[in-house]
Amino acid sequence: MNKFKYLKISNTKKIRYLSNYYKKNLYIVFLHGFMSDIEGKKPRTFFNYAKKNKLGFLALEYSGHGKSTGKFINGNISKWSKEIKITINKIIKKNEFILVGSSMGAWLALNQFKDFKKQIKGFLGIGSAPEFLENLMWRKFTKKMKKETIKKGIYYLKHANYAYPITYQLIKDGRKNKVLNKKINSQISVTMIHGSKDEVVPVNYSKKILKIFTKAKKKLIILKNGDHSLSNKSRLKKINFELNKIVFNII
């Protein structure tokens, strides 16, 4: 894998990214999930696919994620979406691209359509989680949890052996970033892939995304017994296969 690079997007902010540069070719843009990074199997798989097919590639870590600067607790959907926009403008420039969004990455991907509608030629979602902060977190918080979050500004949500720092500003910002009530009339290929045994995000979130696209060539693929991450070899092979279909519809 190529070495990671850093892009200075402000005096205080550096974003770590991985790219494969082609001046005039189609790009794959991978957007990772909540509290994830670009060192996992998915970005590596898509990077290798892009390289093999002489396509451009970009994956980036939002502030407070991976080795990008900033604290996670200061981040939110608006900030992370803006960082993606800046990075796409700097790295991809005017090239056309396909968005690949994993979990929260699919939500952030949907936010890019308002700025890059003409450049986006396809969208692939993996265990997509639009509006998860309100629907899958806040609504499941008990009164006590909500009270603590509002009072202290943060709640440490325990999951397995980890505690996610959920800030009240993150929840409130999520409400400003509603995407499921929008309509996108791009005539592109939109494929949603979801595991049938995803215990984090229900399959109907992928279905909700497909409803946003009024003129797209739409497809929902439910992988039997698949979990939320879909990161094992056979799942990634299937995802690559579907990505390849989108690519060769365009080229």
Protein backbone atom coordinates (compact mmCIF):
# COMPACT_ATOMS: atom_id res chain seq x y z
CA MET A 1 0.00 0.00 0.00
CA ASN A 2 1.21 3.51 -0.72
CA LYS A 3 2.29 5.69 2.17
CA PHE A 4 -0.31 7.81 3.90
CA LYS A 5 -0.12 11.54 3.25
CA TYR A 6 -1.35 14.62 5.07
CA LEU A 7 -3.36 17.54 3.73
CA LYS A 8 -3.31 20.80 5.65
CA ILE A 9 -6.86 22.17 5.41
CA SER A 10 -6.50 24.96 7.98
CA ASN A 11 -3.87 26.39 10.36
CA THR A 12 -4.81 23.84 12.99
CA LYS A 13 -6.10 20.91 10.96
CA LYS A 14 -4.30 18.19 9.04
CA ILE A 15 -6.21 15.36 7.39
CA ARG A 16 -4.52 12.02 6.79
CA TYR A 17 -5.38 10.45 3.44
CA LEU A 18 -4.47 7.70 1.03
CA SER A 19 -4.56 8.34 -2.69
CA ASN A 20 -3.73 7.00 -6.10
CA TYR A 21 -3.36 9.88 -8.55
CA TYR A 22 -4.62 9.93 -12.14
CA LYS A 23 -5.03 13.26 -13.85
CA LYS A 24 -8.05 12.44 -16.00
CA ASN A 25 -9.36 9.09 -14.81
CA LEU A 26 -12.41 8.16 -12.77
CA TYR A 27 -11.81 8.07 -8.98
CA ILE A 28 -13.07 5.85 -6.16
CA VAL A 29 -13.68 7.84 -2.96
CA PHE A 30 -13.94 5.74 0.20
CA LEU A 31 -15.56 7.25 3.30
CA HIS A 32 -15.11 5.25 6.51
CA GLY A 33 -17.48 4.83 9.44
CA PHE A 34 -17.93 6.31 12.90
CA MET A 35 -14.68 6.25 14.94
CA SER A 36 -12.99 4.20 12.22
CA ASP A 37 -9.90 4.95 10.09
CA ILE A 38 -8.27 4.09 6.76
CA GLU A 39 -6.03 1.27 7.92
CA GLY A 40 -8.67 -1.48 7.70
CA LYS A 41 -9.46 -4.11 5.10
CA LYS A 42 -12.04 -2.04 3.19
CA PRO A 43 -9.81 0.90 2.18
CA ARG A 44 -7.00 -1.53 1.33
CA THR A 45 -9.35 -3.60 -0.85
CA PHE A 46 -10.68 -0.58 -2.76
CA PHE A 47 -7.22 0.96 -3.08
CA ASN A 48 -5.91 -2.26 -4.65
CA TYR A 49 -8.95 -2.44 -6.94
CA ALA A 50 -8.36 1.15 -8.11
CA LYS A 51 -4.67 0.48 -8.73
CA LYS A 52 -5.37 -2.68 -10.69
CA ASN A 53 -7.92 -0.89 -12.89
CA LYS A 54 -5.89 2.32 -13.31
CA LEU A 55 -8.44 4.40 -11.43
CA GLY A 56 -7.79 7.26 -9.08
CA PHE A 57 -8.41 6.63 -5.39
CA LEU A 58 -9.00 8.70 -2.29
CA ALA A 59 -9.69 7.67 1.31
CA LEU A 60 -9.41 10.14 4.17
CA GLU A 61 -9.71 10.24 7.93
CA TYR A 62 -11.98 12.95 9.29
CA SER A 63 -10.69 15.12 12.14
CA GLY A 64 -10.51 13.22 15.42
CA HIS A 65 -10.33 9.91 13.54
CA GLY A 66 -7.26 7.76 12.90
CA LYS A 67 -4.14 9.93 12.67
CA SER A 68 -5.82 13.12 11.48
CA THR A 69 -5.49 16.03 13.88
CA GLY A 70 -8.26 17.20 16.20
CA LYS A 71 -10.28 15.67 19.00
CA PHE A 72 -13.14 13.34 18.18
CA ILE A 73 -15.40 15.13 20.69
CA ASN A 74 -15.08 18.39 18.72
CA GLY A 75 -16.21 16.78 15.48
CA ASN A 76 -19.66 16.39 13.96
CA ILE A 77 -21.42 15.54 10.68
CA SER A 78 -21.21 19.14 9.40
CA LYS A 79 -17.46 19.44 10.09
CA TRP A 80 -16.60 16.02 8.70
CA SER A 81 -18.69 16.62 5.56
CA LYS A 82 -16.88 19.92 5.00
CA GLU A 83 -13.47 18.26 5.42
CA ILE A 84 -14.43 15.69 2.78
CA LYS A 85 -15.51 18.49 0.42
CA ILE A 86 -12.21 20.36 0.88
CA THR A 87 -10.14 17.18 0.38
CA ILE A 88 -12.06 16.18 -2.77
CA ASN A 89 -11.55 19.68 -4.20
CA LYS A 90 -7.79 19.55 -3.47
CA ILE A 91 -7.05 15.95 -4.54
CA ILE A 92 -9.65 14.97 -7.14
CA LYS A 93 -10.29 18.46 -8.50
CA LYS A 94 -12.62 18.20 -11.53
CA ASN A 95 -12.40 14.42 -12.02
CA GLU A 96 -15.50 12.29 -11.88
CA PHE A 97 -15.80 9.85 -9.00
CA ILE A 98 -17.77 7.04 -7.37
CA LEU A 99 -18.57 7.35 -3.66
CA VAL A 100 -18.18 4.29 -1.45
CA GLY A 101 -19.58 4.95 2.04
CA SER A 102 -19.32 2.54 4.95
CA SER A 103 -21.86 2.99 7.78
CA MET A 104 -21.67 6.70 8.78
CA GLY A 105 -19.59 7.19 5.61
CA ALA A 106 -22.76 6.68 3.56
CA TRP A 107 -24.41 9.59 5.42
CA LEU A 108 -21.36 11.79 4.76
CA ALA A 109 -21.42 10.64 1.12
CA LEU A 110 -25.03 11.80 0.71
CA ASN A 111 -23.95 15.24 1.97
CA GLN A 112 -21.51 15.52 -0.96
CA PHE A 113 -24.23 15.47 -3.63
CA LYS A 114 -25.09 19.14 -3.10
CA ASP A 115 -21.53 20.17 -4.07
CA PHE A 116 -20.42 17.48 -6.51
CA LYS A 117 -23.63 16.33 -8.19
CA LYS A 118 -22.13 16.56 -11.70
CA GLN A 119 -18.91 14.76 -10.73
CA ILE A 120 -20.50 11.88 -8.78
CA LYS A 121 -21.10 9.01 -11.20
CA GLY A 122 -22.05 6.23 -8.77
CA PHE A 123 -22.70 5.49 -5.10
CA LEU A 124 -22.10 2.26 -3.18
CA GLY A 125 -23.23 2.01 0.44
CA ILE A 126 -22.05 -0.65 2.91
CA GLY A 127 -24.18 -1.09 6.05
CA SER A 128 -25.34 2.48 5.47
CA ALA A 129 -26.29 4.52 8.53
CA PRO A 130 -27.87 7.87 7.58
CA GLU A 131 -29.25 9.84 10.54
CA PHE A 132 -28.08 7.15 12.99
CA LEU A 133 -27.22 9.63 15.76
CA GLU A 134 -30.86 10.51 16.42
CA ASN A 135 -32.60 7.30 15.34
CA LEU A 136 -30.21 4.61 16.54
CA MET A 137 -28.52 6.35 19.46
CA TRP A 138 -30.44 9.22 21.03
CA ARG A 139 -33.86 7.58 20.80
CA LYS A 140 -32.49 4.52 22.59
CA PHE A 141 -30.92 6.55 25.40
CA THR A 142 -32.77 6.31 28.70
CA LYS A 143 -34.02 9.50 30.38
CA LYS A 144 -31.05 9.29 32.74
CA MET A 145 -28.57 8.97 29.85
CA LYS A 146 -30.15 11.92 28.03
CA LYS A 147 -30.08 14.04 31.18
CA GLU A 148 -26.38 13.31 31.72
CA THR A 149 -25.54 14.07 28.06
CA ILE A 150 -27.34 17.43 28.21
CA LYS A 151 -25.92 18.36 31.62
CA LYS A 152 -22.29 17.32 31.04
CA GLY A 153 -22.28 17.78 27.27
CA ILE A 154 -21.01 14.22 26.81
CA TYR A 155 -21.97 10.62 27.53
CA TYR A 156 -19.61 7.65 27.37
CA LEU A 157 -21.63 4.98 25.61
CA LYS A 158 -20.29 1.52 26.42
CA HIS A 159 -20.16 -0.99 23.60
CA ALA A 160 -18.22 -4.27 24.03
CA ASN A 161 -14.86 -3.25 25.59
CA TYR A 162 -15.03 0.33 24.40
CA ALA A 163 -16.75 3.54 25.48
CA TYR A 164 -17.83 5.89 22.69
CA PRO A 165 -17.72 9.57 23.72
CA ILE A 166 -21.07 10.88 22.47
CA THR A 167 -21.32 14.66 22.76
CA TYR A 168 -24.58 16.59 22.88
CA GLN A 169 -23.30 18.92 20.15
CA LEU A 170 -22.79 15.87 17.89
CA ILE A 171 -26.40 14.77 18.45
CA LYS A 172 -27.73 18.29 17.82
CA ASP A 173 -25.61 18.72 14.69
CA GLY A 174 -26.92 15.39 13.36
CA ARG A 175 -30.43 16.90 13.42
CA LYS A 176 -29.23 19.65 11.07
CA ASN A 177 -27.97 17.06 8.60
CA LYS A 178 -31.16 15.23 7.69
CA VAL A 179 -30.84 13.49 4.35
CA LEU A 180 -33.70 10.98 4.30
CA ASN A 181 -36.26 13.70 3.50
CA LYS A 182 -34.29 14.83 0.43
CA LYS A 183 -34.60 13.85 -3.21
CA ILE A 184 -31.60 13.37 -5.50
CA ASN A 185 -32.38 13.11 -9.20
CA SER A 186 -28.93 12.03 -10.45
CA GLN A 187 -29.11 9.37 -13.16
CA ILE A 188 -26.40 7.17 -11.69
CA SER A 189 -25.99 3.63 -10.35
CA VAL A 190 -26.76 3.38 -6.63
CA THR A 191 -26.07 0.04 -4.92
CA MET A 192 -26.70 -0.60 -1.24
CA ILE A 193 -25.12 -3.66 0.38
CA HIS A 194 -26.24 -4.73 3.85
CA GLY A 195 -25.72 -7.77 6.05
CA SER A 196 -28.88 -9.67 6.98
CA LYS A 197 -27.55 -10.03 10.54
CA ASP A 198 -26.38 -6.46 10.98
CA GLU A 199 -27.02 -5.81 14.69
CA VAL A 200 -25.88 -2.18 14.53
CA VAL A 201 -27.88 -0.71 11.63
CA PRO A 202 -31.13 -2.27 10.35
CA VAL A 203 -31.42 -3.15 6.65
CA ASN A 204 -34.24 -0.62 6.20
CA TYR A 205 -31.66 2.20 6.38
CA SER A 206 -30.25 1.04 3.05
CA LYS A 207 -33.81 0.90 1.69
CA LYS A 208 -34.44 4.46 2.90
CA ILE A 209 -31.39 5.69 0.96
CA LEU A 210 -32.64 4.09 -2.25
CA LYS A 211 -35.90 6.05 -1.89
CA ILE A 212 -33.96 9.34 -2.00
CA PHE A 213 -32.77 8.62 -5.54
CA THR A 214 -35.63 9.28 -7.94
CA LYS A 215 -33.88 8.58 -11.27
CA ALA A 216 -31.01 6.27 -10.35
CA LYS A 217 -30.44 2.68 -11.39
CA LYS A 218 -31.01 1.19 -7.93
CA LYS A 219 -30.05 -2.07 -6.31
CA LEU A 220 -30.25 -3.52 -2.79
CA ILE A 221 -28.09 -6.53 -1.98
CA ILE A 222 -28.63 -8.25 1.36
CA LEU A 223 -25.76 -10.56 2.24
CA LYS A 224 -27.00 -13.62 4.07
CA ASN A 225 -25.65 -13.87 7.63
CA GLY A 226 -23.59 -10.72 7.02
CA ASP A 227 -22.69 -8.53 10.02
CA HIS A 228 -22.31 -4.73 10.10
CA SER A 229 -18.69 -4.47 8.99
CA LEU A 230 -18.80 -6.97 6.06
CA SER A 231 -14.99 -7.07 6.19
CA ASN A 232 -14.19 -10.73 5.68
CA LYS A 233 -12.68 -11.93 2.42
CA SER A 234 -15.84 -13.32 0.79
CA ARG A 235 -17.92 -10.23 1.68
CA LEU A 236 -15.27 -7.87 0.34
CA LYS A 237 -15.07 -9.93 -2.85
CA LYS A 238 -18.83 -9.48 -3.33
CA ILE A 239 -18.61 -5.73 -2.62
CA ASN A 240 -15.75 -5.40 -5.13
CA PHE A 241 -17.81 -7.30 -7.70
CA GLU A 242 -20.66 -4.79 -7.29
CA LEU A 243 -18.28 -1.83 -7.38
CA ASN A 244 -16.83 -3.20 -10.60
CA LYS A 245 -20.33 -3.24 -12.14
CA ILE A 246 -20.80 0.45 -11.32
CA VAL A 247 -17.35 1.31 -12.72
CA PHE A 248 -17.87 -0.46 -16.00
CA ASN A 249 -21.28 1.14 -16.48
CA ILE A 250 -19.43 4.45 -16.58
CA ILE A 251 -16.20 3.71 -18.46
